[in-house]
Protein backbone atom coordinates (compact mmCIF):
# COMPACT_ATOMS: atom_id res chain seq x y z
CA MET A 1 -0.35 -0.27 0.54
CA PHE A 2 1.13 4.01 -0.77
CA GLN A 3 0.99 7.01 1.24
CA ILE A 4 -1.24 9.28 0.50
CA VAL A 5 -1.03 12.66 -0.04
CA PHE A 6 -3.85 15.53 -0.39
CA ASN A 7 -3.00 18.68 -1.98
CA GLU A 8 -4.45 21.81 -0.55
CA ILE A 9 -7.46 21.32 -3.50
CA SER A 10 -8.07 18.46 -2.52
CA ALA A 11 -8.28 18.33 1.01
CA ALA A 12 -10.34 21.38 0.96
CA GLU A 13 -12.42 19.51 -1.65
CA ILE A 14 -13.01 16.61 1.47
CA SER A 15 -13.01 18.71 3.86
CA ALA A 16 -16.36 20.00 2.76
CA LEU A 17 -17.37 16.89 3.04
CA GLY A 18 -19.18 15.36 6.19
CA THR A 19 -17.21 14.01 8.73
CA LEU A 20 -18.84 10.51 9.05
CA GLU A 21 -18.79 10.69 5.25
CA GLN A 22 -14.68 11.47 5.05
CA LEU A 23 -14.14 8.59 7.08
CA GLU A 24 -16.33 6.29 4.42
CA LEU A 25 -14.31 7.43 1.89
CA LEU A 26 -10.91 7.48 3.40
CA GLU A 27 -11.61 3.81 4.62
CA GLU A 28 -12.47 2.65 1.10
CA PHE A 29 -9.62 4.74 -0.72
CA ARG A 30 -6.79 2.42 -0.61
CA VAL A 31 -4.13 2.20 -3.38
CA THR A 32 -1.84 -1.24 -3.89
CA GLU A 33 -0.04 -2.42 -7.00
CA LYS A 34 -2.20 -4.76 -7.99
CA ASP A 35 -5.15 -2.19 -8.45
CA LEU A 36 -2.89 -0.23 -10.77
CA ALA A 37 -1.99 -3.09 -12.42
CA ASN A 38 -6.07 -3.48 -12.98
CA THR A 39 -7.60 -0.75 -13.63
CA GLY A 40 -11.49 -1.46 -14.21
CA GLY A 41 -14.36 -1.15 -11.89
CA LYS A 42 -13.46 1.11 -8.55
CA PHE A 43 -9.97 1.77 -10.75
CA GLY A 44 -9.19 3.68 -14.20
CA LYS A 45 -6.86 5.63 -15.91
CA LEU A 46 -5.87 8.37 -17.93
CA GLU A 47 -3.03 9.46 -19.70
CA ARG A 48 -1.26 12.67 -20.83
CA ASP A 49 1.80 12.90 -22.71
CA GLY A 50 3.10 10.27 -21.41
CA HIS A 51 2.33 10.66 -18.08
CA ALA A 52 -0.53 8.07 -16.27
CA MET A 53 -3.15 9.26 -14.00
CA TYR A 54 -5.43 7.22 -11.81
CA ARG A 55 -9.59 7.42 -11.64
CA PHE A 56 -10.85 5.76 -8.15
CA ARG A 57 -14.55 5.58 -7.51
CA ALA A 58 -15.74 5.63 -4.11
CA LYS A 59 -19.69 6.25 -3.58
CA GLU A 60 -20.76 9.69 -5.26
CA TYR A 61 -16.65 10.68 -5.38
CA ARG A 62 -13.73 10.40 -7.90
CA PHE A 63 -10.02 10.40 -6.24
CA TYR A 64 -7.85 11.63 -9.08
CA PHE A 65 -4.09 10.95 -8.57
CA GLU A 66 -0.87 10.21 -10.21
CA VAL A 67 1.21 7.79 -7.73
CA LYS A 68 5.31 9.19 -7.35
CA ASP A 69 7.62 8.75 -5.60
CA GLY A 70 5.90 5.58 -3.29
CA SER A 71 3.30 8.20 -2.27
CA VAL A 72 -0.27 8.57 -4.19
CA ILE A 73 -0.67 12.34 -4.54
CA VAL A 74 -4.33 12.96 -4.25
CA HIS A 75 -5.73 16.30 -7.06
CA ARG A 76 -9.00 16.22 -6.88
CA VAL A 77 -11.96 14.67 -4.96
CA LEU A 78 -14.88 15.14 -6.93
CA HIS A 79 -18.73 14.48 -6.73
CA LYS A 80 -19.51 12.83 -10.19
CA GLY A 81 -22.01 14.41 -11.39
CA THR A 82 -19.63 17.11 -11.87
CA PHE A 83 -18.55 14.35 -15.22
CA SER A 84 -21.62 12.90 -15.54
CA ASP A 85 -23.19 16.26 -16.45
CA PHE A 86 -20.17 17.54 -18.94
CA LEU A 87 -20.88 14.08 -20.35
CA PHE A 88 -24.28 14.37 -20.91
CA ARG A 89 -23.71 17.90 -22.42
CA SER A 90 -20.92 17.08 -25.33
CA LYS A 91 -22.64 13.93 -25.64
CA MET A 92 -20.13 12.05 -26.06
CA PRO A 93 -20.19 8.52 -26.95
CA LEU A 94 -17.01 7.18 -25.01
CA GLY A 95 -16.53 5.89 -21.39
CA GLU A 96 -16.36 8.29 -18.12
CA ASP A 97 -12.32 7.43 -18.80
CA GLU A 98 -11.90 7.88 -21.87
CA ALA A 99 -13.78 10.87 -22.42
CA LEU A 100 -12.60 12.52 -19.22
CA ALA A 101 -8.58 11.59 -20.73
CA GLY A 102 -9.83 14.29 -23.70
CA SER A 103 -10.86 16.85 -22.03
CA LYS A 104 -9.04 20.31 -21.59
CA HIS A 105 -11.54 21.54 -18.57
CA PHE A 106 -10.95 17.99 -16.97
CA TRP A 107 -7.10 18.31 -17.47
CA LYS A 108 -7.15 22.20 -16.09
CA LEU A 109 -8.64 20.88 -12.64
CA ILE A 110 -6.55 17.75 -12.73
CA ASP A 111 -3.51 20.99 -13.73
CA GLU A 112 -4.26 22.96 -10.61
CA GLY A 113 -4.50 20.15 -8.08
CA ARG A 114 -0.78 18.93 -9.26
CA ASN A 115 0.64 23.20 -9.09
CA ALA A 116 -1.38 22.98 -5.21
CA ARG A 117 0.59 23.02 -2.66
CA ARG A 118 0.76 18.83 -0.19
CA LEU A 119 0.13 18.85 2.75
């Protein structure tokens, strides 16, 4: 299992939830090498410019993270409706991960998280 590091944006996103909901989500959010090798279901993989970004589904939320130097660095924690709404409006005939990988708006959100200070 990896050490999980939240940046200031993802920490604020998860802190906005109720305490019990936070605990439930964090209890589910466990990442192993096996999970990353077998994406599908709760875990997904998106790529841009040769860099891998992962998605973890927990309840109604999505954790978007990368693995770097033995740590899971969480860039964003977003409600699934955020991207379901995007997919509905754009009418893309793709799965969630494929559609997000091609979205400039999605990568802007991720880059904001990537550039945020880690806590």
